[in-house]
Amino acid sequence: MSKYYFEKIKRLHALAEIGLEYNTIAYDIERYQEIRDICLEMLEKITRIPVSEIIPVIEERNGYRTPKVDVRAIVFNENDKILLVQEKADKLWALPGGWTDIAFSPGEVAEKECMEEAGLKVKATRLLAIMDKQKQGMPPAFEYVYKIFMLCKKEGDSISVGPETCDVGWFNENKLPPLSLPRNNEAQIRMMFGYKCGELTEPYFD
């Protein structure tokens, strides 16, 4: 079994776990459980490691909690305006982004989220910051979160809303719309403008 298929099985297992976490329909839960169990059986065959030893490593139910990771795409246009999306959840504005997915690198997540939320094709080019959300003056959250900010170069011009957004736009540093504070705050966005104008050069970390 190639590394490609090994990673695809892990990705499928992760999707099953997400389905079990967020679904309330009994029929769907039964199917997600079956998919998860099939993935575990396949991983056992590939690695020759018992399922009982695989579960604590790849499933969140093992009691060893680690931070969740949120990736945000930083995109500027030719007029030095930053790309923001209006979230359907709270009707407030945020940098395109979201939780990382198994089998996707941070750069790939930034590119994917930008396409899904803003309809814009981009290429991730540089890591700008890794922040501990709890140290950024953001609203308290149940999850402990690391936030990754990736500079992306736009590869198109058209923008459009996605399933989780109701508007998309470009904004000046001094004319920001009302922000979705659980996702990003003004200080973080102003920091991104600092990278754009060259005031900041080294990646930031907490």
C-alpha atoms as a PDB file:
ATOM      1  CA  MET A   1       0.000   0.000   0.000  1.00  0.00           C
ATOM      2  CA  SER A   2       1.477   3.348  -1.063  1.00  0.00           C
ATOM      3  CA  LYS A   3       1.808   6.408   1.142  1.00  0.00           C
ATOM      4  CA  TYR A   4      -0.851   8.052  -1.041  1.00  0.00           C
ATOM      5  CA  TYR A   5      -3.528   5.527  -0.098  1.00  0.00           C
ATOM      6  CA  PHE A   6      -2.402   5.484   3.522  1.00  0.00           C
ATOM      7  CA  GLU A   7      -2.965   9.242   3.742  1.00  0.00           C
ATOM      8  CA  LYS A   8      -6.313   8.968   1.940  1.00  0.00           C
ATOM      9  CA  ILE A   9      -7.537   6.403   4.476  1.00  0.00           C
ATOM     10  CA  LYS A  10      -6.549   8.713   7.319  1.00  0.00           C
ATOM     11  CA  ARG A  11      -8.357  11.578   5.592  1.00  0.00           C
ATOM     12  CA  LEU A  12     -11.497   9.455   5.178  1.00  0.00           C
ATOM     13  CA  HIS A  13     -11.307   8.485   8.849  1.00  0.00           C
ATOM     14  CA  ALA A  14     -11.060  12.149   9.831  1.00  0.00           C
ATOM     15  CA  LEU A  15     -14.152  12.969   7.747  1.00  0.00           C
ATOM     16  CA  ALA A  16     -16.040  10.165   9.490  1.00  0.00           C
ATOM     17  CA  GLU A  17     -15.023  11.590  12.874  1.00  0.00           C
ATOM     18  CA  ILE A  18     -16.270  15.039  11.825  1.00  0.00           C
ATOM     19  CA  GLY A  19     -19.560  13.507  10.699  1.00  0.00           C
ATOM     20  CA  LEU A  20     -20.005  11.759  14.043  1.00  0.00           C
ATOM     21  CA  GLU A  21     -19.224  14.959  15.915  1.00  0.00           C
ATOM     22  CA  TYR A  22     -21.680  17.227  14.123  1.00  0.00           C
ATOM     23  CA  ASN A  23     -24.466  14.944  12.847  1.00  0.00           C
ATOM     24  CA  THR A  24     -27.656  14.224  14.753  1.00  0.00           C
ATOM     25  CA  ILE A  25     -29.452  12.017  12.218  1.00  0.00           C
ATOM     26  CA  ALA A  26     -29.398   8.393  13.385  1.00  0.00           C
ATOM     27  CA  TYR A  27     -29.141   6.986   9.853  1.00  0.00           C
ATOM     28  CA  ASP A  28     -26.116   9.171   9.050  1.00  0.00           C
ATOM     29  CA  ILE A  29     -24.441   8.443  12.392  1.00  0.00           C
ATOM     30  CA  GLU A  30     -24.674   4.711  11.709  1.00  0.00           C
ATOM     31  CA  ARG A  31     -23.033   5.163   8.309  1.00  0.00           C
ATOM     32  CA  TYR A  32     -20.255   7.399   9.673  1.00  0.00           C
ATOM     33  CA  GLN A  33     -19.542   4.798  12.336  1.00  0.00           C
ATOM     34  CA  GLU A  34     -19.290   2.114   9.673  1.00  0.00           C
ATOM     35  CA  ILE A  35     -16.931   4.241   7.557  1.00  0.00           C
ATOM     36  CA  ARG A  36     -14.763   4.941  10.618  1.00  0.00           C
ATOM     37  CA  ASP A  37     -14.605   1.230  11.508  1.00  0.00           C
ATOM     38  CA  ILE A  38     -13.704   0.243   7.941  1.00  0.00           C
ATOM     39  CA  CYS A  39     -10.881   2.813   7.952  1.00  0.00           C
ATOM     40  CA  LEU A  40      -9.547   1.416  11.218  1.00  0.00           C
ATOM     41  CA  GLU A  41      -9.629  -2.125   9.839  1.00  0.00           C
ATOM     42  CA  MET A  42      -7.760  -1.013   6.713  1.00  0.00           C
ATOM     43  CA  LEU A  43      -5.143   0.827   8.778  1.00  0.00           C
ATOM     44  CA  GLU A  44      -4.696  -2.298  10.891  1.00  0.00           C
ATOM     45  CA  LYS A  45      -4.100  -4.363   7.744  1.00  0.00           C
ATOM     46  CA  ILE A  46      -1.640  -1.845   6.311  1.00  0.00           C
ATOM     47  CA  THR A  47       0.393  -1.237   9.451  1.00  0.00           C
ATOM     48  CA  ARG A  48      -0.144  -4.592  11.177  1.00  0.00           C
ATOM     49  CA  ILE A  49      -0.812  -2.613  14.350  1.00  0.00           C
ATOM     50  CA  PRO A  50      -3.922  -3.609  16.349  1.00  0.00           C
ATOM     51  CA  VAL A  51      -6.890  -1.244  16.157  1.00  0.00           C
ATOM     52  CA  SER A  52      -6.738  -0.876  19.929  1.00  0.00           C
ATOM     53  CA  GLU A  53      -3.324   0.766  19.536  1.00  0.00           C
ATOM     54  CA  ILE A  54      -4.285   2.868  16.502  1.00  0.00           C
ATOM     55  CA  ILE A  55      -7.332   4.536  18.081  1.00  0.00           C
ATOM     56  CA  PRO A  56      -5.443   6.437  20.831  1.00  0.00           C
ATOM     57  CA  VAL A  57      -3.127   7.918  18.200  1.00  0.00           C
ATOM     58  CA  ILE A  58      -5.606   9.149  15.593  1.00  0.00           C
ATOM     59  CA  GLU A  59      -8.840   9.777  17.514  1.00  0.00           C
ATOM     60  CA  GLU A  60      -9.565  12.684  19.830  1.00  0.00           C
ATOM     61  CA  ARG A  61     -11.169  10.442  22.426  1.00  0.00           C
ATOM     62  CA  ASN A  62      -7.860   9.338  23.863  1.00  0.00           C
ATOM     63  CA  GLY A  63      -7.882  12.000  26.617  1.00  0.00           C
ATOM     64  CA  TYR A  64      -4.738  13.799  25.423  1.00  0.00           C
ATOM     65  CA  ARG A  65      -6.061  17.073  24.121  1.00  0.00           C
ATOM     66  CA  THR A  66      -4.018  19.225  21.771  1.00  0.00           C
ATOM     67  CA  PRO A  67      -4.803  22.708  20.408  1.00  0.00           C
ATOM     68  CA  LYS A  68      -7.063  23.061  17.396  1.00  0.00           C
ATOM     69  CA  VAL A  69      -5.521  24.937  14.484  1.00  0.00           C
ATOM     70  CA  ASP A  70      -7.227  27.748  12.596  1.00  0.00           C
ATOM     71  CA  VAL A  71      -5.698  29.036   9.327  1.00  0.00           C
ATOM     72  CA  ARG A  72      -6.418  32.482   7.872  1.00  0.00           C
ATOM     73  CA  ALA A  73      -5.579  33.619   4.336  1.00  0.00           C
ATOM     74  CA  ILE A  74      -4.069  37.103   3.966  1.00  0.00           C
ATOM     75  CA  VAL A  75      -4.763  38.457   0.489  1.00  0.00           C
ATOM     76  CA  PHE A  76      -4.147  41.978  -0.800  1.00  0.00           C
ATOM     77  CA  ASN A  77      -5.192  43.445  -4.130  1.00  0.00           C
ATOM     78  CA  GLU A  78      -3.423  45.963  -6.375  1.00  0.00           C
ATOM     79  CA  ASN A  79      -4.814  48.840  -4.292  1.00  0.00           C
ATOM     80  CA  ASP A  80      -3.343  47.442  -1.055  1.00  0.00           C
ATOM     81  CA  LYS A  81      -6.786  46.492   0.236  1.00  0.00           C
ATOM     82  CA  ILE A  82      -7.262  43.307   2.253  1.00  0.00           C
ATOM     83  CA  LEU A  83      -9.785  40.581   1.449  1.00  0.00           C
ATOM     84  CA  LEU A  84     -12.505  39.927   4.036  1.00  0.00           C
ATOM     85  CA  VAL A  85     -15.640  37.780   4.001  1.00  0.00           C
ATOM     86  CA  GLN A  86     -18.916  38.325   5.831  1.00  0.00           C
ATOM     87  CA  GLU A  87     -19.806  35.234   7.855  1.00  0.00           C
ATOM     88  CA  LYS A  88     -23.350  33.914   7.673  1.00  0.00           C
ATOM     89  CA  ALA A  89     -23.044  32.769  11.285  1.00  0.00           C
ATOM     90  CA  ASP A  90     -22.895  36.258  12.814  1.00  0.00           C
ATOM     91  CA  LYS A  91     -23.080  38.643   9.803  1.00  0.00           C
ATOM     92  CA  LEU A  92     -19.652  40.024  10.771  1.00  0.00           C
ATOM     93  CA  TRP A  93     -16.403  40.119   8.799  1.00  0.00           C
ATOM     94  CA  ALA A  94     -13.307  37.947   8.906  1.00  0.00           C
ATOM     95  CA  LEU A  95     -10.222  36.894   6.991  1.00  0.00           C
ATOM     96  CA  PRO A  96     -11.034  33.839   4.855  1.00  0.00           C
ATOM     97  CA  GLY A  97     -10.167  30.702   6.770  1.00  0.00           C
ATOM     98  CA  GLY A  98     -11.162  27.985   9.182  1.00  0.00           C
ATOM     99  CA  TRP A  99     -10.100  24.782  10.900  1.00  0.00           C
ATOM    100  CA  THR A 100      -7.307  22.768   9.360  1.00  0.00           C
ATOM    101  CA  ASP A 101      -8.166  19.461   7.704  1.00  0.00           C
ATOM    102  CA  ILE A 102      -6.305  16.173   7.889  1.00  0.00           C
ATOM    103  CA  ALA A 103      -4.138  15.664   4.768  1.00  0.00           C
ATOM    104  CA  PHE A 104      -3.949  19.417   4.038  1.00  0.00           C
ATOM    105  CA  SER A 105      -0.939  21.610   4.828  1.00  0.00           C
ATOM    106  CA  PRO A 106      -1.535  25.107   6.303  1.00  0.00           C
ATOM    107  CA  GLY A 107      -0.866  26.645   2.890  1.00  0.00           C
ATOM    108  CA  GLU A 108      -3.310  24.287   1.211  1.00  0.00           C
ATOM    109  CA  VAL A 109      -5.951  25.074   3.831  1.00  0.00           C
ATOM    110  CA  ALA A 110      -5.530  28.805   3.204  1.00  0.00           C
ATOM    111  CA  GLU A 111      -5.918  28.275  -0.538  1.00  0.00           C
ATOM    112  CA  LYS A 112      -8.930  26.002  -0.121  1.00  0.00           C
ATOM    113  CA  GLU A 113     -10.731  28.268   2.355  1.00  0.00           C
ATOM    114  CA  CYS A 114     -10.176  31.313   0.158  1.00  0.00           C
ATOM    115  CA  MET A 115     -11.785  29.561  -2.790  1.00  0.00           C
ATOM    116  CA  GLU A 116     -14.662  28.187  -0.716  1.00  0.00           C
ATOM    117  CA  GLU A 117     -15.458  31.408   1.172  1.00  0.00           C
ATOM    118  CA  ALA A 118     -14.486  34.133  -1.321  1.00  0.00           C
ATOM    119  CA  GLY A 119     -14.512  32.367  -4.702  1.00  0.00           C
ATOM    120  CA  LEU A 120     -10.930  33.512  -5.271  1.00  0.00           C
ATOM    121  CA  LYS A 121      -8.055  31.332  -6.428  1.00  0.00           C
ATOM    122  CA  VAL A 122      -4.868  32.120  -4.506  1.00  0.00           C
ATOM    123  CA  LYS A 123      -1.418  30.689  -3.905  1.00  0.00           C
ATOM    124  CA  ALA A 124       0.003  30.611  -0.384  1.00  0.00           C
ATOM    125  CA  THR A 125       3.463  32.187  -0.436  1.00  0.00           C
ATOM    126  CA  ARG A 126       4.606  32.960   3.098  1.00  0.00           C
ATOM    127  CA  LEU A 127       3.932  32.325   6.788  1.00  0.00           C
ATOM    128  CA  LEU A 128       3.278  35.620   8.571  1.00  0.00           C
ATOM    129  CA  ALA A 129       2.257  34.637  12.093  1.00  0.00           C
ATOM    130  CA  ILE A 130       1.390  31.845  14.493  1.00  0.00           C
ATOM    131  CA  MET A 131      -0.706  33.108  17.392  1.00  0.00           C
ATOM    132  CA  ASP A 132      -2.087  31.612  20.563  1.00  0.00           C
ATOM    133  CA  LYS A 133      -5.713  32.781  20.411  1.00  0.00           C
ATOM    134  CA  GLN A 134      -5.943  32.977  24.196  1.00  0.00           C
ATOM    135  CA  LYS A 135      -3.069  35.469  24.260  1.00  0.00           C
ATOM    136  CA  GLN A 136      -4.588  37.771  21.640  1.00  0.00           C
ATOM    137  CA  GLY A 137      -7.352  39.460  23.615  1.00  0.00           C
ATOM    138  CA  MET A 138      -9.999  37.477  21.761  1.00  0.00           C
ATOM    139  CA  PRO A 139     -13.278  36.201  23.249  1.00  0.00           C
ATOM    140  CA  PRO A 140     -12.870  33.048  25.379  1.00  0.00           C
ATOM    141  CA  ALA A 141     -13.543  29.770  23.610  1.00  0.00           C
ATOM    142  CA  PHE A 142     -13.983  26.178  24.722  1.00  0.00           C
ATOM    143  CA  GLU A 143     -11.248  24.993  22.365  1.00  0.00           C
ATOM    144  CA  TYR A 144      -7.606  25.973  22.859  1.00  0.00           C
ATOM    145  CA  VAL A 145      -6.638  27.388  19.464  1.00  0.00           C
ATOM    146  CA  TYR A 146      -3.499  28.215  17.522  1.00  0.00           C
ATOM    147  CA  LYS A 147      -4.074  30.651  14.648  1.00  0.00           C
ATOM    148  CA  ILE A 148      -1.890  30.568  11.529  1.00  0.00           C
ATOM    149  CA  PHE A 149      -1.835  33.535   9.134  1.00  0.00           C
ATOM    150  CA  MET A 150      -0.631  32.758   5.596  1.00  0.00           C
ATOM    151  CA  LEU A 151       0.142  35.420   3.006  1.00  0.00           C
ATOM    152  CA  CYS A 152      -1.461  34.449  -0.294  1.00  0.00           C
ATOM    153  CA  LYS A 153      -1.100  35.833  -3.808  1.00  0.00           C
ATOM    154  CA  LYS A 154      -4.324  36.140  -5.747  1.00  0.00           C
ATOM    155  CA  GLU A 155      -4.410  34.362  -9.106  1.00  0.00           C
ATOM    156  CA  GLY A 156      -7.660  35.843 -10.345  1.00  0.00           C
ATOM    157  CA  ASP A 157      -9.917  38.844  -9.953  1.00  0.00           C
ATOM    158  CA  SER A 158     -13.476  37.597  -9.491  1.00  0.00           C
ATOM    159  CA  ILE A 159     -14.814  37.086  -5.975  1.00  0.00           C
ATOM    160  CA  SER A 160     -18.059  35.472  -4.867  1.00  0.00           C
ATOM    161  CA  VAL A 161     -19.774  34.241  -1.730  1.00  0.00           C
ATOM    162  CA  GLY A 162     -19.683  30.632  -0.587  1.00  0.00           C
ATOM    163  CA  PRO A 163     -21.876  28.331   1.527  1.00  0.00           C
ATOM    164  CA  GLU A 164     -20.702  29.958   4.782  1.00  0.00           C
ATOM    165  CA  THR A 165     -20.445  33.585   3.611  1.00  0.00           C
ATOM    166  CA  CYS A 166     -22.978  36.223   2.573  1.00  0.00           C
ATOM    167  CA  ASP A 167     -20.639  38.920   1.222  1.00  0.00           C
ATOM    168  CA  VAL A 168     -17.027  39.421   0.126  1.00  0.00           C
ATOM    169  CA  GLY A 169     -15.018  42.600  -0.246  1.00  0.00           C
ATOM    170  CA  TRP A 170     -11.722  44.480  -0.238  1.00  0.00           C
ATOM    171  CA  PHE A 171     -11.035  46.931   2.589  1.00  0.00           C
ATOM    172  CA  ASN A 172      -8.590  49.690   3.503  1.00  0.00           C
ATOM    173  CA  GLU A 173      -6.771  49.498   6.824  1.00  0.00           C
ATOM    174  CA  ASN A 174      -8.637  52.516   8.173  1.00  0.00           C
ATOM    175  CA  LYS A 175     -12.068  51.517   6.857  1.00  0.00           C
ATOM    176  CA  LEU A 176     -12.549  48.043   8.251  1.00  0.00           C
ATOM    177  CA  PRO A 177     -16.100  46.690   8.614  1.00  0.00           C
ATOM    178  CA  PRO A 178     -17.444  45.283  11.920  1.00  0.00           C
ATOM    179  CA  LEU A 179     -15.248  42.265  12.642  1.00  0.00           C
ATOM    180  CA  SER A 180     -16.169  38.756  13.774  1.00  0.00           C
ATOM    181  CA  LEU A 181     -14.097  38.849  16.953  1.00  0.00           C
ATOM    182  CA  PRO A 182     -14.036  35.095  17.604  1.00  0.00           C
ATOM    183  CA  ARG A 183     -12.258  34.782  14.249  1.00  0.00           C
ATOM    184  CA  ASN A 184     -10.013  37.865  14.129  1.00  0.00           C
ATOM    185  CA  ASN A 185      -9.576  41.252  15.743  1.00  0.00           C
ATOM    186  CA  GLU A 186      -8.470  44.665  14.544  1.00  0.00           C
ATOM    187  CA  ALA A 187      -4.941  44.356  15.960  1.00  0.00           C
ATOM    188  CA  GLN A 188      -4.335  41.181  13.966  1.00  0.00           C
ATOM    189  CA  ILE A 189      -5.545  42.707  10.716  1.00  0.00           C
ATOM    190  CA  ARG A 190      -3.494  45.853  11.283  1.00  0.00           C
ATOM    191  CA  MET A 191      -0.477  43.598  11.827  1.00  0.00           C
ATOM    192  CA  MET A 192      -1.094  42.076   8.390  1.00  0.00           C
ATOM    193  CA  PHE A 193      -1.038  45.575   6.869  1.00  0.00           C
ATOM    194  CA  GLY A 194       2.285  46.039   8.686  1.00  0.00           C
ATOM    195  CA  TYR A 195       3.700  43.124   6.709  1.00  0.00           C
ATOM    196  CA  LYS A 196       2.242  44.524   3.504  1.00  0.00           C
ATOM    197  CA  CYS A 197       3.965  47.914   3.859  1.00  0.00           C
ATOM    198  CA  GLY A 198       7.246  46.416   5.085  1.00  0.00           C
ATOM    199  CA  GLU A 199       7.077  47.648   8.675  1.00  0.00           C
ATOM    200  CA  LEU A 200       7.152  44.004   9.786  1.00  0.00           C
ATOM    201  CA  THR A 201       9.413  41.442   8.170  1.00  0.00           C
ATOM    202  CA  GLU A 202       9.931  38.488  10.521  1.00  0.00           C
ATOM    203  CA  PRO A 203       7.146  35.963  11.254  1.00  0.00           C
ATOM    204  CA  TYR A 204       5.349  36.649  14.525  1.00  0.00           C
ATOM    205  CA  PHE A 205       4.768  34.009  17.209  1.00  0.00           C
ATOM    206  CA  ASP A 206       3.539  34.039  20.791  1.00  0.00           C
END
